[in-house]
Amino acid sequence: MDLKPPCEVSVKLILPAIRLLIAKNLIEKYGYTQTSVAKALGTTQAAVSHYMRSKRGWKLSEKLMEMDDVRELLEKAVKDIAESKGCGADVLNMCQICRITQKYLDRLKNL
């Protein structure tokens, strides 16, 4: 029996995968630098480097992209960040993304 609250599990497992997917899309589709992605996500350039080299978040990123509702929300988040010119913290609702992924949490934890 796992007594960890869902948010704790999300922070450990899901958040890095979400950040990886957003970072890759911003860099590959919109030409962002690692520094500008870090600013948009409220993290460090070093963390973005880890995401880009698949050292963080890679285990779940492909599984998350297979889930239509999660993929659509992430694509919208990337577009909103790109259109806001780097003000990601203002347009990115990470809690909403995590809430949607909660229904997949049991499946994702077993990977």
C-alpha atoms as a PDB file:
ATOM      1  CA  MET A   1       0.000   0.000   0.000  1.00  0.00           C
ATOM      2  CA  ASP A   2       1.415   3.324  -1.072  1.00  0.00           C
ATOM      3  CA  LEU A   3       0.705   6.118   1.389  1.00  0.00           C
ATOM      4  CA  LYS A   4       2.306   8.873  -0.628  1.00  0.00           C
ATOM      5  CA  PRO A   5      -0.124  11.586  -1.687  1.00  0.00           C
ATOM      6  CA  PRO A   6      -0.764  11.817  -5.448  1.00  0.00           C
ATOM      7  CA  CYS A   7       0.973  15.190  -5.728  1.00  0.00           C
ATOM      8  CA  GLU A   8       4.188  13.771  -4.284  1.00  0.00           C
ATOM      9  CA  VAL A   9       4.167  10.956  -6.808  1.00  0.00           C
ATOM     10  CA  SER A  10       3.390  13.425  -9.587  1.00  0.00           C
ATOM     11  CA  VAL A  11       6.311  15.649  -8.647  1.00  0.00           C
ATOM     12  CA  LYS A  12       8.693  12.708  -8.670  1.00  0.00           C
ATOM     13  CA  LEU A  13       7.425  10.897 -11.770  1.00  0.00           C
ATOM     14  CA  ILE A  14       5.164  13.024 -13.923  1.00  0.00           C
ATOM     15  CA  LEU A  15       6.508  16.566 -13.601  1.00  0.00           C
ATOM     16  CA  PRO A  16       9.957  15.727 -15.039  1.00  0.00           C
ATOM     17  CA  ALA A  17       8.324  13.966 -18.007  1.00  0.00           C
ATOM     18  CA  ILE A  18       6.031  16.938 -18.619  1.00  0.00           C
ATOM     19  CA  ARG A  19       8.945  19.356 -18.448  1.00  0.00           C
ATOM     20  CA  LEU A  20      10.960  17.165 -20.820  1.00  0.00           C
ATOM     21  CA  LEU A  21       8.143  17.152 -23.387  1.00  0.00           C
ATOM     22  CA  ILE A  22       7.555  20.888 -23.119  1.00  0.00           C
ATOM     23  CA  ALA A  23      11.280  21.671 -23.286  1.00  0.00           C
ATOM     24  CA  LYS A  24      11.834  19.477 -26.350  1.00  0.00           C
ATOM     25  CA  ASN A  25       8.884  21.008 -28.169  1.00  0.00           C
ATOM     26  CA  LEU A  26       9.883  24.581 -27.374  1.00  0.00           C
ATOM     27  CA  ILE A  27      13.453  23.977 -28.529  1.00  0.00           C
ATOM     28  CA  GLU A  28      12.670  21.880 -31.613  1.00  0.00           C
ATOM     29  CA  LYS A  29       9.499  23.597 -32.876  1.00  0.00           C
ATOM     30  CA  TYR A  30       9.949  27.171 -31.706  1.00  0.00           C
ATOM     31  CA  GLY A  31      13.722  27.612 -31.576  1.00  0.00           C
ATOM     32  CA  TYR A  32      13.923  28.382 -27.873  1.00  0.00           C
ATOM     33  CA  THR A  33      17.281  28.152 -26.143  1.00  0.00           C
ATOM     34  CA  GLN A  34      17.752  26.054 -23.024  1.00  0.00           C
ATOM     35  CA  THR A  35      17.982  29.263 -21.017  1.00  0.00           C
ATOM     36  CA  SER A  36      14.706  30.627 -22.380  1.00  0.00           C
ATOM     37  CA  VAL A  37      12.993  27.274 -21.755  1.00  0.00           C
ATOM     38  CA  ALA A  38      14.321  27.265 -18.188  1.00  0.00           C
ATOM     39  CA  LYS A  39      12.908  30.741 -17.636  1.00  0.00           C
ATOM     40  CA  ALA A  40       9.541  29.744 -19.112  1.00  0.00           C
ATOM     41  CA  LEU A  41       9.327  26.608 -16.957  1.00  0.00           C
ATOM     42  CA  GLY A  42      10.680  28.211 -13.804  1.00  0.00           C
ATOM     43  CA  THR A  43      13.635  25.864 -13.620  1.00  0.00           C
ATOM     44  CA  THR A  44      17.354  26.027 -14.348  1.00  0.00           C
ATOM     45  CA  GLN A  45      19.226  25.713 -17.629  1.00  0.00           C
ATOM     46  CA  ALA A  46      21.034  22.708 -16.155  1.00  0.00           C
ATOM     47  CA  ALA A  47      17.698  20.971 -15.548  1.00  0.00           C
ATOM     48  CA  VAL A  48      16.657  21.662 -19.140  1.00  0.00           C
ATOM     49  CA  SER A  49      19.965  20.200 -20.304  1.00  0.00           C
ATOM     50  CA  HIS A  50      19.169  17.034 -18.349  1.00  0.00           C
ATOM     51  CA  TYR A  51      15.729  16.871 -19.972  1.00  0.00           C
ATOM     52  CA  MET A  52      17.211  17.305 -23.434  1.00  0.00           C
ATOM     53  CA  ARG A  53      19.754  14.536 -22.823  1.00  0.00           C
ATOM     54  CA  SER A  54      16.978  12.305 -21.465  1.00  0.00           C
ATOM     55  CA  LYS A  55      18.524  12.099 -18.014  1.00  0.00           C
ATOM     56  CA  ARG A  56      15.277  13.246 -16.383  1.00  0.00           C
ATOM     57  CA  GLY A  57      11.718  12.390 -17.260  1.00  0.00           C
ATOM     58  CA  TRP A  58      12.424  10.069 -20.164  1.00  0.00           C
ATOM     59  CA  LYS A  59      10.798   6.993 -18.602  1.00  0.00           C
ATOM     60  CA  LEU A  60       7.294   8.408 -18.719  1.00  0.00           C
ATOM     61  CA  SER A  61       7.479  10.949 -21.526  1.00  0.00           C
ATOM     62  CA  GLU A  62       6.595   8.494 -24.294  1.00  0.00           C
ATOM     63  CA  LYS A  63       3.764   6.986 -22.247  1.00  0.00           C
ATOM     64  CA  LEU A  64       2.317  10.431 -21.564  1.00  0.00           C
ATOM     65  CA  MET A  65       2.331  11.254 -25.272  1.00  0.00           C
ATOM     66  CA  GLU A  66       0.304   8.103 -25.961  1.00  0.00           C
ATOM     67  CA  MET A  67      -2.544   9.516 -23.856  1.00  0.00           C
ATOM     68  CA  ASP A  68      -4.650  11.722 -26.104  1.00  0.00           C
ATOM     69  CA  ASP A  69      -5.931  14.114 -23.441  1.00  0.00           C
ATOM     70  CA  VAL A  70      -2.469  14.583 -21.946  1.00  0.00           C
ATOM     71  CA  ARG A  71      -0.865  15.084 -25.373  1.00  0.00           C
ATOM     72  CA  GLU A  72      -3.461  17.681 -26.348  1.00  0.00           C
ATOM     73  CA  LEU A  73      -3.012  19.604 -23.114  1.00  0.00           C
ATOM     74  CA  LEU A  74       0.789  19.554 -23.455  1.00  0.00           C
ATOM     75  CA  GLU A  75       0.599  20.737 -27.060  1.00  0.00           C
ATOM     76  CA  LYS A  76      -1.674  23.586 -25.979  1.00  0.00           C
ATOM     77  CA  ALA A  77       0.694  24.467 -23.126  1.00  0.00           C
ATOM     78  CA  VAL A  78       3.668  24.584 -25.518  1.00  0.00           C
ATOM     79  CA  LYS A  79       1.741  26.787 -27.957  1.00  0.00           C
ATOM     80  CA  ASP A  80       0.592  29.097 -25.143  1.00  0.00           C
ATOM     81  CA  ILE A  81       4.154  29.462 -23.850  1.00  0.00           C
ATOM     82  CA  ALA A  82       5.502  30.142 -27.343  1.00  0.00           C
ATOM     83  CA  GLU A  83       2.818  32.728 -28.069  1.00  0.00           C
ATOM     84  CA  SER A  84       3.386  34.449 -24.732  1.00  0.00           C
ATOM     85  CA  LYS A  85       7.057  34.961 -25.657  1.00  0.00           C
ATOM     86  CA  GLY A  86       8.548  33.127 -22.703  1.00  0.00           C
ATOM     87  CA  CYS A  87       6.138  33.899 -19.869  1.00  0.00           C
ATOM     88  CA  GLY A  88       5.519  30.218 -19.276  1.00  0.00           C
ATOM     89  CA  ALA A  89       4.836  30.437 -15.571  1.00  0.00           C
ATOM     90  CA  ASP A  90       1.890  32.716 -16.314  1.00  0.00           C
ATOM     91  CA  VAL A  91       0.260  30.522 -18.983  1.00  0.00           C
ATOM     92  CA  LEU A  92       1.272  27.016 -17.912  1.00  0.00           C
ATOM     93  CA  ASN A  93      -1.143  25.349 -15.515  1.00  0.00           C
ATOM     94  CA  MET A  94       0.955  22.470 -14.242  1.00  0.00           C
ATOM     95  CA  CYS A  95      -1.695  21.507 -11.681  1.00  0.00           C
ATOM     96  CA  GLN A  96      -4.241  21.009 -14.447  1.00  0.00           C
ATOM     97  CA  ILE A  97      -1.829  18.771 -16.347  1.00  0.00           C
ATOM     98  CA  CYS A  98      -1.086  16.756 -13.201  1.00  0.00           C
ATOM     99  CA  ARG A  99      -4.799  16.374 -12.428  1.00  0.00           C
ATOM    100  CA  ILE A 100      -5.390  14.896 -15.858  1.00  0.00           C
ATOM    101  CA  THR A 101      -2.496  12.477 -15.429  1.00  0.00           C
ATOM    102  CA  GLN A 102      -3.786  11.330 -12.012  1.00  0.00           C
ATOM    103  CA  LYS A 103      -6.188   8.893 -13.667  1.00  0.00           C
ATOM    104  CA  TYR A 104      -3.185   7.192 -15.278  1.00  0.00           C
ATOM    105  CA  LEU A 105      -1.039   7.223 -12.149  1.00  0.00           C
ATOM    106  CA  ASP A 106      -1.323   3.523 -11.276  1.00  0.00           C
ATOM    107  CA  ARG A 107      -0.363   2.544 -14.820  1.00  0.00           C
ATOM    108  CA  LEU A 108       2.531   5.019 -14.881  1.00  0.00           C
ATOM    109  CA  LYS A 109       3.985   3.999 -11.513  1.00  0.00           C
ATOM    110  CA  ASN A 110       4.420   0.417 -12.723  1.00  0.00           C
ATOM    111  CA  LEU A 111       6.832   1.335 -15.507  1.00  0.00           C
END
